[in-house]
Amino acid sequence: MSRLLAAALTMAAAAALAVGAALGIVALLDATPDQPNTPLITYQNAGQER
């Protein structure tokens, strides 16, 4: 019975660790600022280089 209890506690601890890691990763991804979406070429000056 003690092995079953140890296995269940290990499984619960591993599941809690996995959920905590997933929530931490999501929190880190939400904390990073968005990159600016600036185009490299615009239509106004695309034809001026020729």
N, C-alpha and C. Protein backbone atom coordinates (compact mmCIF):
# COMPACT_ATOMS: atom_id res chain seq x y z
N MET A 1 0.82 -1.20 0.00
CA MET A 1 0.00 0.00 0.00
C MET A 1 0.86 1.27 0.00
N SER A 2 2.02 1.20 0.64
CA SER A 2 2.87 2.38 0.68
C SER A 2 3.45 2.70 -0.70
N ARG A 3 3.69 1.66 -1.50
CA ARG A 3 4.18 1.91 -2.86
C ARG A 3 3.11 2.58 -3.71
N LEU A 4 1.87 2.18 -3.53
CA LEU A 4 0.77 2.80 -4.26
C LEU A 4 0.61 4.25 -3.84
N LEU A 5 0.73 4.53 -2.57
CA LEU A 5 0.64 5.90 -2.08
C LEU A 5 1.80 6.74 -2.59
N ALA A 6 3.01 6.17 -2.60
CA ALA A 6 4.17 6.90 -3.11
C ALA A 6 4.03 7.17 -4.60
N ALA A 7 3.50 6.21 -5.35
CA ALA A 7 3.29 6.41 -6.78
C ALA A 7 2.24 7.49 -7.04
N ALA A 8 1.17 7.48 -6.25
CA ALA A 8 0.12 8.48 -6.43
C ALA A 8 0.64 9.87 -6.06
N LEU A 9 1.41 9.98 -5.00
CA LEU A 9 1.97 11.28 -4.62
C LEU A 9 2.98 11.77 -5.65
N THR A 10 3.77 10.86 -6.20
CA THR A 10 4.73 11.24 -7.24
C THR A 10 4.00 11.72 -8.49
N MET A 11 2.94 11.03 -8.86
CA MET A 11 2.16 11.42 -10.03
C MET A 11 1.50 12.79 -9.80
N ALA A 12 0.97 13.01 -8.62
CA ALA A 12 0.34 14.30 -8.33
C ALA A 12 1.37 15.43 -8.32
N ALA A 13 2.55 15.17 -7.78
CA ALA A 13 3.60 16.19 -7.76
C ALA A 13 4.08 16.49 -9.18
N ALA A 14 4.23 15.47 -10.00
CA ALA A 14 4.66 15.68 -11.39
C ALA A 14 3.62 16.46 -12.18
N ALA A 15 2.34 16.16 -11.96
CA ALA A 15 1.28 16.89 -12.66
C ALA A 15 1.24 18.34 -12.21
N ALA A 16 1.42 18.58 -10.92
CA ALA A 16 1.43 19.96 -10.42
C ALA A 16 2.63 20.73 -10.96
N LEU A 17 3.78 20.06 -11.06
CA LEU A 17 4.96 20.71 -11.62
C LEU A 17 4.77 21.03 -13.10
N ALA A 18 4.16 20.13 -13.84
CA ALA A 18 3.91 20.37 -15.26
C ALA A 18 2.94 21.53 -15.46
N VAL A 19 1.89 21.59 -14.66
CA VAL A 19 0.93 22.68 -14.79
C VAL A 19 1.58 24.01 -14.39
N GLY A 20 2.39 24.00 -13.35
CA GLY A 20 3.08 25.21 -12.94
C GLY A 20 4.05 25.70 -14.01
N ALA A 21 4.77 24.77 -14.64
CA ALA A 21 5.70 25.16 -15.69
C ALA A 21 4.96 25.72 -16.89
N ALA A 22 3.84 25.11 -17.24
CA ALA A 22 3.05 25.60 -18.38
C ALA A 22 2.51 27.00 -18.10
N LEU A 23 2.01 27.22 -16.91
CA LEU A 23 1.50 28.55 -16.57
C LEU A 23 2.63 29.58 -16.52
N GLY A 24 3.80 29.18 -16.06
CA GLY A 24 4.94 30.08 -16.04
C GLY A 24 5.39 30.48 -17.44
N ILE A 25 5.39 29.51 -18.35
CA ILE A 25 5.78 29.80 -19.74
C ILE A 25 4.77 30.75 -20.38
N VAL A 26 3.50 30.52 -20.15
CA VAL A 26 2.47 31.40 -20.70
C VAL A 26 2.60 32.81 -20.13
N ALA A 27 2.89 32.90 -18.84
CA ALA A 27 3.07 34.22 -18.22
C ALA A 27 4.28 34.94 -18.80
N LEU A 28 5.36 34.21 -19.07
CA LEU A 28 6.54 34.83 -19.67
C LEU A 28 6.26 35.29 -21.09
N LEU A 29 5.51 34.50 -21.84
CA LEU A 29 5.20 34.90 -23.22
C LEU A 29 4.27 36.11 -23.26
N ASP A 30 3.37 36.22 -22.29
CA ASP A 30 2.50 37.38 -22.24
C ASP A 30 3.25 38.63 -21.78
N ALA A 31 4.33 38.46 -21.04
CA ALA A 31 5.06 39.60 -20.51
C ALA A 31 5.98 40.24 -21.55
N THR A 32 6.33 39.51 -22.60
CA THR A 32 7.24 40.08 -23.61
C THR A 32 6.47 41.07 -24.48
N PRO A 33 7.08 42.20 -24.81
CA PRO A 33 6.38 43.19 -25.64
C PRO A 33 6.25 42.70 -27.08
N ASP A 34 5.22 43.16 -27.74
CA ASP A 34 5.00 42.82 -29.13
C ASP A 34 6.03 43.52 -30.01
N GLN A 35 6.46 42.82 -31.02
CA GLN A 35 7.42 43.40 -31.95
C GLN A 35 6.68 44.34 -32.90
N PRO A 36 7.31 45.45 -33.28
CA PRO A 36 6.64 46.36 -34.21
C PRO A 36 6.50 45.73 -35.59
N ASN A 37 5.39 45.99 -36.22
CA ASN A 37 5.12 45.43 -37.53
C ASN A 37 5.34 46.51 -38.58
N THR A 38 6.61 46.81 -38.84
CA THR A 38 6.93 47.83 -39.83
C THR A 38 7.42 47.14 -41.10
N PRO A 39 6.84 47.47 -42.23
CA PRO A 39 7.26 46.82 -43.48
C PRO A 39 8.64 47.30 -43.92
N LEU A 40 9.38 46.43 -44.58
CA LEU A 40 10.70 46.80 -45.08
C LEU A 40 10.59 47.64 -46.35
N ILE A 41 9.57 47.39 -47.16
CA ILE A 41 9.38 48.13 -48.40
C ILE A 41 7.96 48.68 -48.41
N THR A 42 7.82 49.95 -48.73
CA THR A 42 6.49 50.52 -48.89
C THR A 42 6.24 50.78 -50.37
N TYR A 43 4.98 50.95 -50.73
CA TYR A 43 4.63 51.14 -52.14
C TYR A 43 5.05 52.52 -52.65
N GLN A 44 5.17 53.48 -51.78
CA GLN A 44 5.51 54.83 -52.23
C GLN A 44 6.96 54.93 -52.72
N ASN A 45 7.88 54.28 -52.04
CA ASN A 45 9.28 54.41 -52.43
C ASN A 45 9.85 53.14 -53.07
N ALA A 46 9.01 52.20 -53.46
CA ALA A 46 9.51 50.97 -54.05
C ALA A 46 10.03 51.22 -55.47
N GLY A 47 9.42 52.15 -56.21
CA GLY A 47 9.84 52.40 -57.57
C GLY A 47 10.92 53.45 -57.69
N GLN A 48 11.33 54.10 -56.64
CA GLN A 48 12.32 55.17 -56.70
C GLN A 48 13.75 54.67 -56.74
N GLU A 49 13.96 53.36 -56.49
CA GLU A 49 15.32 52.84 -56.44
C GLU A 49 15.87 52.54 -57.84
N ARG A 50 15.04 52.55 -58.85
CA ARG A 50 15.52 52.22 -60.21
C ARG A 50 16.06 53.39 -60.93
